[in-house]
PDB file of N, CA and C in Angstrom:
ATOM      1  N   MET A   1       0.848  -1.189   0.000  1.00  0.00           N
ATOM      2  CA  MET A   1       0.000   0.000   0.000  1.00  0.00           C
ATOM      3  C   MET A   1       0.884   1.241   0.000  1.00  0.00           C
ATOM      4  N   LYS A   2       0.582   2.140  -0.881  1.00  0.00           N
ATOM      5  CA  LYS A   2       1.320   3.393  -0.981  1.00  0.00           C
ATOM      6  C   LYS A   2       0.945   4.300   0.187  1.00  0.00           C
ATOM      7  N   MET A   3       1.934   5.001   0.715  1.00  0.00           N
ATOM      8  CA  MET A   3       1.694   5.940   1.803  1.00  0.00           C
ATOM      9  C   MET A   3       1.205   7.272   1.221  1.00  0.00           C
ATOM     10  N   PRO A   4       0.138   7.865   1.805  1.00  0.00           N
ATOM     11  CA  PRO A   4      -0.352   9.155   1.299  1.00  0.00           C
ATOM     12  C   PRO A   4       0.671  10.272   1.534  1.00  0.00           C
ATOM     13  N   ILE A   5       0.614  11.273   0.701  1.00  0.00           N
ATOM     14  CA  ILE A   5       1.575  12.373   0.771  1.00  0.00           C
ATOM     15  C   ILE A   5       1.536  13.084   2.122  1.00  0.00           C
ATOM     16  N   SER A   6       0.389  13.133   2.778  1.00  0.00           N
ATOM     17  CA  SER A   6       0.331  13.787   4.095  1.00  0.00           C
ATOM     18  C   SER A   6       1.216  13.052   5.094  1.00  0.00           C
ATOM     19  N   GLU A   7       1.229  11.727   5.045  1.00  0.00           N
ATOM     20  CA  GLU A   7       2.072  10.921   5.943  1.00  0.00           C
ATOM     21  C   GLU A   7       3.538  11.012   5.542  1.00  0.00           C
ATOM     22  N   ILE A   8       3.794  11.045   4.254  1.00  0.00           N
ATOM     23  CA  ILE A   8       5.176  11.176   3.771  1.00  0.00           C
ATOM     24  C   ILE A   8       5.769  12.495   4.264  1.00  0.00           C
ATOM     25  N   CYS A   9       5.007  13.577   4.143  1.00  0.00           N
ATOM     26  CA  CYS A   9       5.494  14.886   4.591  1.00  0.00           C
ATOM     27  C   CYS A   9       5.759  14.906   6.096  1.00  0.00           C
ATOM     28  N   ASP A  10       4.864  14.310   6.865  1.00  0.00           N
ATOM     29  CA  ASP A  10       5.042  14.271   8.314  1.00  0.00           C
ATOM     30  C   ASP A  10       6.281  13.459   8.679  1.00  0.00           C
ATOM     31  N   ARG A  11       6.425  12.283   8.082  1.00  0.00           N
ATOM     32  CA  ARG A  11       7.592  11.438   8.354  1.00  0.00           C
ATOM     33  C   ARG A  11       8.880  12.125   7.918  1.00  0.00           C
ATOM     34  N   TYR A  12       8.829  12.815   6.796  1.00  0.00           N
ATOM     35  CA  TYR A  12       9.997  13.538   6.284  1.00  0.00           C
ATOM     36  C   TYR A  12      10.419  14.630   7.271  1.00  0.00           C
ATOM     37  N   SER A  13       9.452  15.387   7.767  1.00  0.00           N
ATOM     38  CA  SER A  13       9.785  16.460   8.709  1.00  0.00           C
ATOM     39  C   SER A  13      10.419  15.887   9.982  1.00  0.00           C
ATOM     40  N   ILE A  14       9.907  14.762  10.463  1.00  0.00           N
ATOM     41  CA  ILE A  14      10.462  14.130  11.660  1.00  0.00           C
ATOM     42  C   ILE A  14      11.850  13.553  11.370  1.00  0.00           C
ATOM     43  N   ALA A  15      12.021  12.967  10.192  1.00  0.00           N
ATOM     44  CA  ALA A  15      13.336  12.431   9.820  1.00  0.00           C
ATOM     45  C   ALA A  15      14.385  13.539   9.780  1.00  0.00           C
ATOM     46  N   LEU A  16      14.012  14.701   9.234  1.00  0.00           N
ATOM     47  CA  LEU A  16      14.943  15.834   9.204  1.00  0.00           C
ATOM     48  C   LEU A  16      15.302  16.291  10.618  1.00  0.00           C
ATOM     49  N   LEU A  17      14.310  16.328  11.499  1.00  0.00           N
ATOM     50  CA  LEU A  17      14.574  16.717  12.884  1.00  0.00           C
ATOM     51  C   LEU A  17      15.480  15.701  13.582  1.00  0.00           C
ATOM     52  N   LYS A  18      15.264  14.423  13.339  1.00  0.00           N
ATOM     53  CA  LYS A  18      16.121  13.387  13.936  1.00  0.00           C
ATOM     54  C   LYS A  18      17.560  13.547  13.466  1.00  0.00           C
ATOM     55  N   LYS A  19      17.742  13.824  12.196  1.00  0.00           N
ATOM     56  CA  LYS A  19      19.083  14.021  11.639  1.00  0.00           C
ATOM     57  C   LYS A  19      19.746  15.231  12.285  1.00  0.00           C
ATOM     58  N   GLU A  20      19.011  16.326  12.369  1.00  0.00           N
ATOM     59  CA  GLU A  20      19.541  17.585  12.903  1.00  0.00           C
ATOM     60  C   GLU A  20      19.791  17.515  14.409  1.00  0.00           C
ATOM     61  N   ARG A  21      18.857  16.974  15.152  1.00  0.00           N
ATOM     62  CA  ARG A  21      18.904  17.065  16.607  1.00  0.00           C
ATOM     63  C   ARG A  21      19.512  15.847  17.300  1.00  0.00           C
ATOM     64  N   ALA A  22      19.447  14.697  16.649  1.00  0.00           N
ATOM     65  CA  ALA A  22      19.924  13.475  17.294  1.00  0.00           C
ATOM     66  C   ALA A  22      21.032  12.800  16.485  1.00  0.00           C
ATOM     67  N   ASN A  23      21.500  13.482  15.459  1.00  0.00           N
ATOM     68  CA  ASN A  23      22.542  12.936  14.592  1.00  0.00           C
ATOM     69  C   ASN A  23      22.204  11.519  14.106  1.00  0.00           C
ATOM     70  N   ALA A  24      20.946  11.313  13.796  1.00  0.00           N
ATOM     71  CA  ALA A  24      20.505  10.000  13.324  1.00  0.00           C
ATOM     72  C   ALA A  24      21.143   9.688  11.981  1.00  0.00           C
ATOM     73  N   GLU A  25      21.448   8.427  11.780  1.00  0.00           N
ATOM     74  CA  GLU A  25      21.998   7.975  10.508  1.00  0.00           C
ATOM     75  C   GLU A  25      20.833   7.516   9.635  1.00  0.00           C
ATOM     76  N   ASN A  26      20.083   8.492   9.135  1.00  0.00           N
ATOM     77  CA  ASN A  26      18.857   8.200   8.397  1.00  0.00           C
ATOM     78  C   ASN A  26      18.812   8.889   7.037  1.00  0.00           C
ATOM     79  N   GLN A  27      19.982   9.075   6.430  1.00  0.00           N
ATOM     80  CA  GLN A  27      20.038   9.790   5.165  1.00  0.00           C
ATOM     81  C   GLN A  27      19.242   9.081   4.081  1.00  0.00           C
ATOM     82  N   SER A  28      19.263   7.755   4.053  1.00  0.00           N
ATOM     83  CA  SER A  28      18.513   7.048   3.002  1.00  0.00           C
ATOM     84  C   SER A  28      17.011   7.254   3.186  1.00  0.00           C
ATOM     85  N   GLU A  29      16.538   7.302   4.444  1.00  0.00           N
ATOM     86  CA  GLU A  29      15.128   7.579   4.700  1.00  0.00           C
ATOM     87  C   GLU A  29      14.765   8.979   4.194  1.00  0.00           C
ATOM     88  N   ILE A  30      15.605   9.943   4.509  1.00  0.00           N
ATOM     89  CA  ILE A  30      15.377  11.327   4.070  1.00  0.00           C
ATOM     90  C   ILE A  30      15.334  11.389   2.549  1.00  0.00           C
ATOM     91  N   GLU A  31      16.266  10.716   1.895  1.00  0.00           N
ATOM     92  CA  GLU A  31      16.302  10.736   0.430  1.00  0.00           C
ATOM     93  C   GLU A  31      15.080  10.053  -0.173  1.00  0.00           C
ATOM     94  N   ASP A  32      14.703   8.900   0.379  1.00  0.00           N
ATOM     95  CA  ASP A  32      13.539   8.183  -0.152  1.00  0.00           C
ATOM     96  C   ASP A  32      12.263   9.014  -0.017  1.00  0.00           C
ATOM     97  N   LEU A  33      12.047   9.579   1.164  1.00  0.00           N
ATOM     98  CA  LEU A  33      10.862  10.414   1.379  1.00  0.00           C
ATOM     99  C   LEU A  33      10.922  11.669   0.523  1.00  0.00           C
ATOM    100  N   GLY A  34      12.109  12.272   0.446  1.00  0.00           N
ATOM    101  CA  GLY A  34      12.289  13.473  -0.379  1.00  0.00           C
ATOM    102  C   GLY A  34      11.987  13.212  -1.846  1.00  0.00           C
ATOM    103  N   ASN A  35      12.361  12.044  -2.340  1.00  0.00           N
ATOM    104  CA  ASN A  35      12.071  11.690  -3.741  1.00  0.00           C
ATOM    105  C   ASN A  35      10.573  11.579  -3.983  1.00  0.00           C
ATOM    106  N   GLU A  36       9.837  11.060  -3.018  1.00  0.00           N
ATOM    107  CA  GLU A  36       8.374  11.004  -3.154  1.00  0.00           C
ATOM    108  C   GLU A  36       7.777  12.409  -3.154  1.00  0.00           C
ATOM    109  N   ILE A  37       8.290  13.258  -2.280  1.00  0.00           N
ATOM    110  CA  ILE A  37       7.776  14.633  -2.155  1.00  0.00           C
ATOM    111  C   ILE A  37       7.992  15.423  -3.445  1.00  0.00           C
ATOM    112  N   LYS A  38       9.093  15.158  -4.143  1.00  0.00           N
ATOM    113  CA  LYS A  38       9.404  15.877  -5.382  1.00  0.00           C
ATOM    114  C   LYS A  38       8.332  15.695  -6.450  1.00  0.00           C
ATOM    115  N   LYS A  39       7.513  14.675  -6.305  1.00  0.00           N
ATOM    116  CA  LYS A  39       6.457  14.402  -7.283  1.00  0.00           C
ATOM    117  C   LYS A  39       5.264  15.346  -7.134  1.00  0.00           C
ATOM    118  N   TYR A  40       5.267  16.162  -6.088  1.00  0.00           N
ATOM    119  CA  TYR A  40       4.125  17.018  -5.777  1.00  0.00           C
ATOM    120  C   TYR A  40       4.521  18.486  -5.873  1.00  0.00           C
ATOM    121  N   GLN A  41       3.595  19.287  -6.368  1.00  0.00           N
ATOM    122  CA  GLN A  41       3.801  20.733  -6.480  1.00  0.00           C
ATOM    123  C   GLN A  41       3.241  21.446  -5.247  1.00  0.00           C
ATOM    124  N   ASN A  42       3.798  22.581  -4.931  1.00  0.00           N
ATOM    125  CA  ASN A  42       3.269  23.476  -3.889  1.00  0.00           C
ATOM    126  C   ASN A  42       3.160  22.812  -2.512  1.00  0.00           C
ATOM    127  N   ILE A  43       4.139  22.013  -2.139  1.00  0.00           N
ATOM    128  CA  ILE A  43       4.081  21.300  -0.867  1.00  0.00           C
ATOM    129  C   ILE A  43       5.109  21.825   0.133  1.00  0.00           C
ATOM    130  N   LYS A  44       6.081  22.605  -0.329  1.00  0.00           N
ATOM    131  CA  LYS A  44       7.191  23.041   0.535  1.00  0.00           C
ATOM    132  C   LYS A  44       6.728  23.823   1.758  1.00  0.00           C
ATOM    133  N   ASP A  45       5.716  24.659   1.613  1.00  0.00           N
ATOM    134  CA  ASP A  45       5.227  25.430   2.764  1.00  0.00           C
ATOM    135  C   ASP A  45       4.693  24.511   3.855  1.00  0.00           C
ATOM    136  N   TYR A  46       3.978  23.474   3.446  1.00  0.00           N
ATOM    137  CA  TYR A  46       3.440  22.534   4.440  1.00  0.00           C
ATOM    138  C   TYR A  46       4.555  21.732   5.107  1.00  0.00           C
ATOM    139  N   ILE A  47       5.580  21.394   4.352  1.00  0.00           N
ATOM    140  CA  ILE A  47       6.703  20.681   4.963  1.00  0.00           C
ATOM    141  C   ILE A  47       7.352  21.557   6.016  1.00  0.00           C
ATOM    142  N   GLN A  48       7.556  22.817   5.715  1.00  0.00           N
ATOM    143  CA  GLN A  48       8.164  23.724   6.701  1.00  0.00           C
ATOM    144  C   GLN A  48       7.267  23.877   7.928  1.00  0.00           C
ATOM    145  N   LYS A  49       5.976  23.967   7.707  1.00  0.00           N
ATOM    146  CA  LYS A  49       5.044  24.061   8.837  1.00  0.00           C
ATOM    147  C   LYS A  49       5.121  22.803   9.705  1.00  0.00           C
ATOM    148  N   LEU A  50       5.220  21.641   9.065  1.00  0.00           N
ATOM    149  CA  LEU A  50       5.328  20.398   9.823  1.00  0.00           C
ATOM    150  C   LEU A  50       6.665  20.310  10.562  1.00  0.00           C
ATOM    151  N   ILE A  51       7.736  20.773   9.941  1.00  0.00           N
ATOM    152  CA  ILE A  51       9.031  20.811  10.631  1.00  0.00           C
ATOM    153  C   ILE A  51       8.923  21.694  11.867  1.00  0.00           C
ATOM    154  N   ASP A  52       8.312  22.856  11.713  1.00  0.00           N
ATOM    155  CA  ASP A  52       8.184  23.794  12.838  1.00  0.00           C
ATOM    156  C   ASP A  52       7.353  23.199  13.971  1.00  0.00           C
ATOM    157  N   VAL A  53       6.181  22.653  13.658  1.00  0.00           N
ATOM    158  CA  VAL A  53       5.305  22.142  14.718  1.00  0.00           C
ATOM    159  C   VAL A  53       5.890  20.882  15.349  1.00  0.00           C
ATOM    160  N   ASN A  54       6.467  19.990  14.538  1.00  0.00           N
ATOM    161  CA  ASN A  54       7.087  18.793  15.103  1.00  0.00           C
ATOM    162  C   ASN A  54       8.318  19.152  15.934  1.00  0.00           C
ATOM    163  N   GLY A  55       9.019  20.208  15.556  1.00  0.00           N
ATOM    164  CA  GLY A  55      10.152  20.681  16.355  1.00  0.00           C
ATOM    165  C   GLY A  55       9.709  21.197  17.717  1.00  0.00           C
ATOM    166  N   LYS A  56       8.602  21.905  17.741  1.00  0.00           N
ATOM    167  CA  LYS A  56       8.069  22.394  19.019  1.00  0.00           C
ATOM    168  C   LYS A  56       7.622  21.236  19.898  1.00  0.00           C
ATOM    169  N   ILE A  57       6.985  20.243  19.296  1.00  0.00           N
ATOM    170  CA  ILE A  57       6.575  19.061  20.050  1.00  0.00           C
ATOM    171  C   ILE A  57       7.818  18.355  20.600  1.00  0.00           C
ATOM    172  N   TRP A  58       8.829  18.210  19.772  1.00  0.00           N
ATOM    173  CA  TRP A  58      10.086  17.584  20.194  1.00  0.00           C
ATOM    174  C   TRP A  58      10.655  18.323  21.407  1.00  0.00           C
ATOM    175  N   ASP A  59      10.694  19.651  21.328  1.00  0.00           N
ATOM    176  CA  ASP A  59      11.247  20.453  22.430  1.00  0.00           C
ATOM    177  C   ASP A  59      10.480  20.213  23.726  1.00  0.00           C
ATOM    178  N   LEU A  60       9.169  20.183  23.637  1.00  0.00           N
ATOM    179  CA  LEU A  60       8.350  19.989  24.839  1.00  0.00           C
ATOM    180  C   LEU A  60       8.505  18.588  25.433  1.00  0.00           C
ATOM    181  N   GLU A  61       8.690  17.592  24.580  1.00  0.00           N
ATOM    182  CA  GLU A  61       8.771  16.210  25.053  1.00  0.00           C
ATOM    183  C   GLU A  61      10.184  15.760  25.400  1.00  0.00           C
ATOM    184  N   SER A  62      11.180  16.530  25.018  1.00  0.00           N
ATOM    185  CA  SER A  62      12.570  16.096  25.136  1.00  0.00           C
ATOM    186  C   SER A  62      12.959  15.652  26.549  1.00  0.00           C
ATOM    187  N   ASP A  63      12.759  16.497  27.538  1.00  0.00           N
ATOM    188  CA  ASP A  63      13.152  16.146  28.903  1.00  0.00           C
ATOM    189  C   ASP A  63      12.313  15.002  29.460  1.00  0.00           C
ATOM    190  N   ILE A  64      11.064  14.931  29.055  1.00  0.00           N
ATOM    191  CA  ILE A  64      10.199  13.840  29.517  1.00  0.00           C
ATOM    192  C   ILE A  64      10.710  12.520  28.946  1.00  0.00           C
ATOM    193  N   ARG A  65      11.097  12.507  27.657  1.00  0.00           N
ATOM    194  CA  ARG A  65      11.637  11.297  27.034  1.00  0.00           C
ATOM    195  C   ARG A  65      12.931  10.852  27.706  1.00  0.00           C
ATOM    196  N   LYS A  66      13.665  11.811  28.258  1.00  0.00           N
ATOM    197  CA  LYS A  66      14.930  11.503  28.935  1.00  0.00           C
ATOM    198  C   LYS A  66      14.720  11.081  30.382  1.00  0.00           C
ATOM    199  N   GLY A  67      13.459  10.974  30.810  1.00  0.00           N
ATOM    200  CA  GLY A  67      13.173  10.521  32.169  1.00  0.00           C
ATOM    201  C   GLY A  67      13.386  11.576  33.245  1.00  0.00           C
ATOM    202  N   LYS A  68      13.217  12.842  32.890  1.00  0.00           N
ATOM    203  CA  LYS A  68      13.448  13.928  33.845  1.00  0.00           C
ATOM    204  C   LYS A  68      12.164  14.468  34.462  1.00  0.00           C
ATOM    205  N   GLU A  69      11.134  13.633  34.539  1.00  0.00           N
ATOM    206  CA  GLU A  69       9.859  14.084  35.098  1.00  0.00           C
ATOM    207  C   GLU A  69      10.027  14.596  36.524  1.00  0.00           C
ATOM    208  N   GLY A  70      10.849  13.909  37.298  1.00  0.00           N
ATOM    209  CA  GLY A  70      11.073  14.309  38.688  1.00  0.00           C
ATOM    210  C   GLY A  70      11.685  15.689  38.803  1.00  0.00           C
ATOM    211  N   GLU A  71      12.593  16.012  37.914  1.00  0.00           N
ATOM    212  CA  GLU A  71      13.215  17.338  37.914  1.00  0.00           C
ATOM    213  C   GLU A  71      12.224  18.414  37.484  1.00  0.00           C
ATOM    214  N   LEU A  72      11.368  18.068  36.547  1.00  0.00           N
ATOM    215  CA  LEU A  72      10.414  19.046  36.019  1.00  0.00           C
ATOM    216  C   LEU A  72       9.261  19.298  36.979  1.00  0.00           C
ATOM    217  N   GLY A  73       8.827  18.265  37.668  1.00  0.00           N
ATOM    218  CA  GLY A  73       7.650  18.367  38.524  1.00  0.00           C
ATOM    219  C   GLY A  73       6.390  18.061  37.737  1.00  0.00           C
ATOM    220  N   LEU A  74       5.406  17.557  38.435  1.00  0.00           N
ATOM    221  CA  LEU A  74       4.170  17.139  37.776  1.00  0.00           C
ATOM    222  C   LEU A  74       3.437  18.296  37.109  1.00  0.00           C
ATOM    223  N   GLU A  75       3.481  19.470  37.703  1.00  0.00           N
ATOM    224  CA  GLU A  75       2.792  20.617  37.107  1.00  0.00           C
ATOM    225  C   GLU A  75       3.385  20.948  35.740  1.00  0.00           C
ATOM    226  N   GLU A  76       4.713  20.947  35.641  1.00  0.00           N
ATOM    227  CA  GLU A  76       5.370  21.247  34.362  1.00  0.00           C
ATOM    228  C   GLU A  76       5.111  20.137  33.346  1.00  0.00           C
ATOM    229  N   VAL A  77       5.148  18.884  33.782  1.00  0.00           N
ATOM    230  CA  VAL A  77       4.854  17.774  32.877  1.00  0.00           C
ATOM    231  C   VAL A  77       3.432  17.916  32.340  1.00  0.00           C
ATOM    232  N   GLY A  78       2.482  18.257  33.193  1.00  0.00           N
ATOM    233  CA  GLY A  78       1.105  18.455  32.769  1.00  0.00           C
ATOM    234  C   GLY A  78       0.962  19.622  31.804  1.00  0.00           C
ATOM    235  N   ARG A  79       1.664  20.708  32.104  1.00  0.00           N
ATOM    236  CA  ARG A  79       1.637  21.877  31.211  1.00  0.00           C
ATOM    237  C   ARG A  79       2.157  21.498  29.831  1.00  0.00           C
ATOM    238  N   ARG A  80       3.243  20.744  29.815  1.00  0.00           N
ATOM    239  CA  ARG A  80       3.820  20.330  28.530  1.00  0.00           C
ATOM    240  C   ARG A  80       2.888  19.377  27.782  1.00  0.00           C
ATOM    241  N   ALA A  81       2.240  18.484  28.499  1.00  0.00           N
ATOM    242  CA  ALA A  81       1.310  17.546  27.857  1.00  0.00           C
ATOM    243  C   ALA A  81       0.171  18.295  27.172  1.00  0.00           C
ATOM    244  N   ILE A  82      -0.346  19.318  27.841  1.00  0.00           N
ATOM    245  CA  ILE A  82      -1.423  20.120  27.249  1.00  0.00           C
ATOM    246  C   ILE A  82      -0.906  20.881  26.034  1.00  0.00           C
ATOM    247  N   ALA A  83       0.303  21.429  26.126  1.00  0.00           N
ATOM    248  CA  ALA A  83       0.878  22.152  24.997  1.00  0.00           C
ATOM    249  C   ALA A  83       1.105  21.213  23.809  1.00  0.00           C
ATOM    250  N   VAL A  84       1.568  19.991  24.079  1.00  0.00           N
ATOM    251  CA  VAL A  84       1.766  19.010  23.014  1.00  0.00           C
ATOM    252  C   VAL A  84       0.433  18.679  22.353  1.00  0.00           C
ATOM    253  N   ARG A  85      -0.609  18.519  23.156  1.00  0.00           N
ATOM    254  CA  ARG A  85      -1.936  18.220  22.614  1.00  0.00           C
ATOM    255  C   ARG A  85      -2.392  19.338  21.677  1.00  0.00           C
ATOM    256  N   GLU A  86      -2.180  20.582  22.082  1.00  0.00           N
ATOM    257  CA  GLU A  86      -2.581  21.718  21.247  1.00  0.00           C
ATOM    258  C   GLU A  86      -1.756  21.781  19.958  1.00  0.00           C
ATOM    259  N   LEU A  87      -0.461  21.524  20.066  1.00  0.00           N
ATOM    260  CA  LEU A  87       0.380  21.516  18.866  1.00  0.00           C
ATOM    261  C   LEU A  87       0.006  20.365  17.939  1.00  0.00           C
ATOM    262  N   ASN A  88      -0.389  19.241  18.527  1.00  0.00           N
ATOM    263  CA  ASN A  88      -0.797  18.113  17.695  1.00  0.00           C
ATOM    264  C   ASN A  88      -2.061  18.434  16.904  1.00  0.00           C
ATOM    265  N   LYS A  89      -2.946  19.247  17.463  1.00  0.00           N
ATOM    266  CA  LYS A  89      -4.125  19.700  16.706  1.00  0.00           C
ATOM    267  C   LYS A  89      -3.683  20.453  15.452  1.00  0.00           C
ATOM    268  N   ILE A  90      -2.692  21.299  15.623  1.00  0.00           N
ATOM    269  CA  ILE A  90      -2.167  22.076  14.490  1.00  0.00           C
ATOM    270  C   ILE A  90      -1.537  21.137  13.464  1.00  0.00           C
ATOM    271  N   ARG A  91      -0.740  20.192  13.948  1.00  0.00           N
ATOM    272  CA  ARG A  91      -0.083  19.214  13.079  1.00  0.00           C
ATOM    273  C   ARG A  91      -1.123  18.420  12.271  1.00  0.00           C
ATOM    274  N   VAL A  92      -2.146  17.927  12.928  1.00  0.00           N
ATOM    275  CA  VAL A  92      -3.203  17.176  12.252  1.00  0.00           C
ATOM    276  C   VAL A  92      -3.906  18.072  11.234  1.00  0.00           C
ATOM    277  N   GLY A  93      -4.101  19.326  11.570  1.00  0.00           N
ATOM    278  CA  GLY A  93      -4.715  20.266  10.627  1.00  0.00           C
ATOM    279  C   GLY A  93      -3.893  20.429   9.364  1.00  0.00           C
ATOM    280  N   TYR A  94      -2.570  20.547   9.509  1.00  0.00           N
ATOM    281  CA  TYR A  94      -1.701  20.641   8.333  1.00  0.00           C
ATOM    282  C   TYR A  94      -1.815  19.387   7.474  1.00  0.00           C
ATOM    283  N   LYS A  95      -1.773  18.227   8.127  1.00  0.00           N
ATOM    284  CA  LYS A  95      -1.870  16.970   7.380  1.00  0.00           C
ATOM    285  C   LYS A  95      -3.221  16.868   6.669  1.00  0.00           C
ATOM    286  N   ASN A  96      -4.290  17.292   7.329  1.00  0.00           N
ATOM    287  CA  ASN A  96      -5.608  17.269   6.693  1.00  0.00           C
ATOM    288  C   ASN A  96      -5.681  18.236   5.521  1.00  0.00           C
ATOM    289  N   ASN A  97      -5.015  19.377   5.633  1.00  0.00           N
ATOM    290  CA  ASN A  97      -4.972  20.323   4.516  1.00  0.00           C
ATOM    291  C   ASN A  97      -4.266  19.704   3.312  1.00  0.00           C
ATOM    292  N   ILE A  98      -3.220  18.920   3.576  1.00  0.00           N
ATOM    293  CA  ILE A  98      -2.514  18.242   2.488  1.00  0.00           C
ATOM    294  C   ILE A  98      -3.435  17.214   1.837  1.00  0.00           C
ATOM    295  N   VAL A  99      -4.201  16.482   2.643  1.00  0.00           N
ATOM    296  CA  VAL A  99      -5.166  15.518   2.101  1.00  0.00           C
ATOM    297  C   VAL A  99      -6.152  16.242   1.181  1.00  0.00           C
ATOM    298  N   ASP A 100      -6.676  17.379   1.640  1.00  0.00           N
ATOM    299  CA  ASP A 100      -7.613  18.161   0.821  1.00  0.00           C
ATOM    300  C   ASP A 100      -6.955  18.650  -0.471  1.00  0.00           C
ATOM    301  N   MET A 101      -5.745  19.128  -0.351  1.00  0.00           N
ATOM    302  CA  MET A 101      -5.034  19.717  -1.481  1.00  0.00           C
ATOM    303  C   MET A 101      -4.782  18.707  -2.599  1.00  0.00           C
ATOM    304  N   PHE A 102      -4.399  17.490  -2.221  1.00  0.00           N
ATOM    305  CA  PHE A 102      -4.011  16.496  -3.219  1.00  0.00           C
ATOM    306  C   PHE A 102      -5.027  15.373  -3.408  1.00  0.00           C
ATOM    307  N   LYS A 103      -6.137  15.421  -2.628  1.00  0.00           N
ATOM    308  CA  LYS A 103      -7.191  14.405  -2.753  1.00  0.00           C
ATOM    309  C   LYS A 103      -6.597  12.996  -2.660  1.00  0.00           C
ATOM    310  N   GLU A 104      -5.732  12.823  -1.654  1.00  0.00           N
ATOM    311  CA  GLU A 104      -5.025  11.560  -1.481  1.00  0.00           C
ATOM    312  C   GLU A 104      -4.978  11.218   0.001  1.00  0.00           C
ATOM    313  N   GLY A 105      -5.363  10.017   0.345  1.00  0.00           N
ATOM    314  CA  GLY A 105      -5.342   9.594   1.743  1.00  0.00           C
ATOM    315  C   GLY A 105      -6.637   9.964   2.448  1.00  0.00           C
ATOM    316  N   TYR A 106      -6.589   9.857   3.762  1.00  0.00           N
ATOM    317  CA  TYR A 106      -7.775  10.114   4.582  1.00  0.00           C
ATOM    318  C   TYR A 106      -7.454  11.148   5.646  1.00  0.00           C
ATOM    319  N   LYS A 107      -8.441  11.969   5.948  1.00  0.00           N
ATOM    320  CA  LYS A 107      -8.279  12.945   7.017  1.00  0.00           C
ATOM    321  C   LYS A 107      -8.216  12.251   8.357  1.00  0.00           C
ATOM    322  N   ASP A 108      -7.456  12.844   9.243  1.00  0.00           N
ATOM    323  CA  ASP A 108      -7.377  12.374  10.624  1.00  0.00           C
ATOM    324  C   ASP A 108      -8.470  13.105  11.390  1.00  0.00           C
ATOM    325  N   ILE A 109      -9.531  12.388  11.749  1.00  0.00           N
ATOM    326  CA  ILE A 109     -10.677  13.000  12.431  1.00  0.00           C
ATOM    327  C   ILE A 109     -10.751  12.430  13.835  1.00  0.00           C
ATOM    328  N   LYS A 110     -10.636  13.325  14.817  1.00  0.00           N
ATOM    329  CA  LYS A 110     -10.686  12.911  16.219  1.00  0.00           C
ATOM    330  C   LYS A 110     -12.127  13.012  16.716  1.00  0.00           C
ATOM    331  N   ILE A 111     -12.591  11.954  17.388  1.00  0.00           N
ATOM    332  CA  ILE A 111     -13.931  11.923  17.957  1.00  0.00           C
ATOM    333  C   ILE A 111     -13.803  11.606  19.437  1.00  0.00           C
ATOM    334  N   ASN A 112     -14.425  12.446  20.271  1.00  0.00           N
ATOM    335  CA  ASN A 112     -14.340  12.277  21.731  1.00  0.00           C
ATOM    336  C   ASN A 112     -12.884  12.130  22.171  1.00  0.00           C
ATOM    337  N   HIS A 113     -12.049  13.011  21.653  1.00  0.00           N
ATOM    338  CA  HIS A 113     -10.622  12.982  21.950  1.00  0.00           C
ATOM    339  C   HIS A 113     -10.192  14.381  22.337  1.00  0.00           C
ATOM    340  N   ALA A 114      -9.299  14.477  23.289  1.00  0.00           N
ATOM    341  CA  ALA A 114      -8.894  15.798  23.799  1.00  0.00           C
ATOM    342  C   ALA A 114      -8.264  16.669  22.713  1.00  0.00           C
ATOM    343  N   SER A 115      -7.695  16.072  21.690  1.00  0.00           N
ATOM    344  CA  SER A 115      -7.074  16.886  20.641  1.00  0.00           C
ATOM    345  C   SER A 115      -8.028  17.153  19.480  1.00  0.00           C
ATOM    346  N   ALA A 116      -9.321  16.864  19.676  1.00  0.00           N
ATOM    347  CA  ALA A 116     -10.304  17.116  18.608  1.00  0.00           C
ATOM    348  C   ALA A 116     -10.563  18.600  18.449  1.00  0.00           C
TER     349      ALA A 116
END
């Protein structure tokens, strides 16, 4: 099954962040996803938006992923969780806009979910 362009763009933005921030050895993934993206017109703005929002999510989750909840305190962890939820709404909106733009894939529709 072919992956829809909205998912390719999201994965590409995360792959770029992993390369930049974690020195991941994922150049072939970046190239493969980038080659798929080249087949589409007018997508660069959405990729940048996804890089920006996924970068903000990464920043908020970074210390939690490193097991520093005790240092942060429960109030800060909760604040970050809410901020991540709000950023994820934006991220899903970008992906849904890509689905609309290219008529490919399915929209991510949240029902009875905090990020709806």
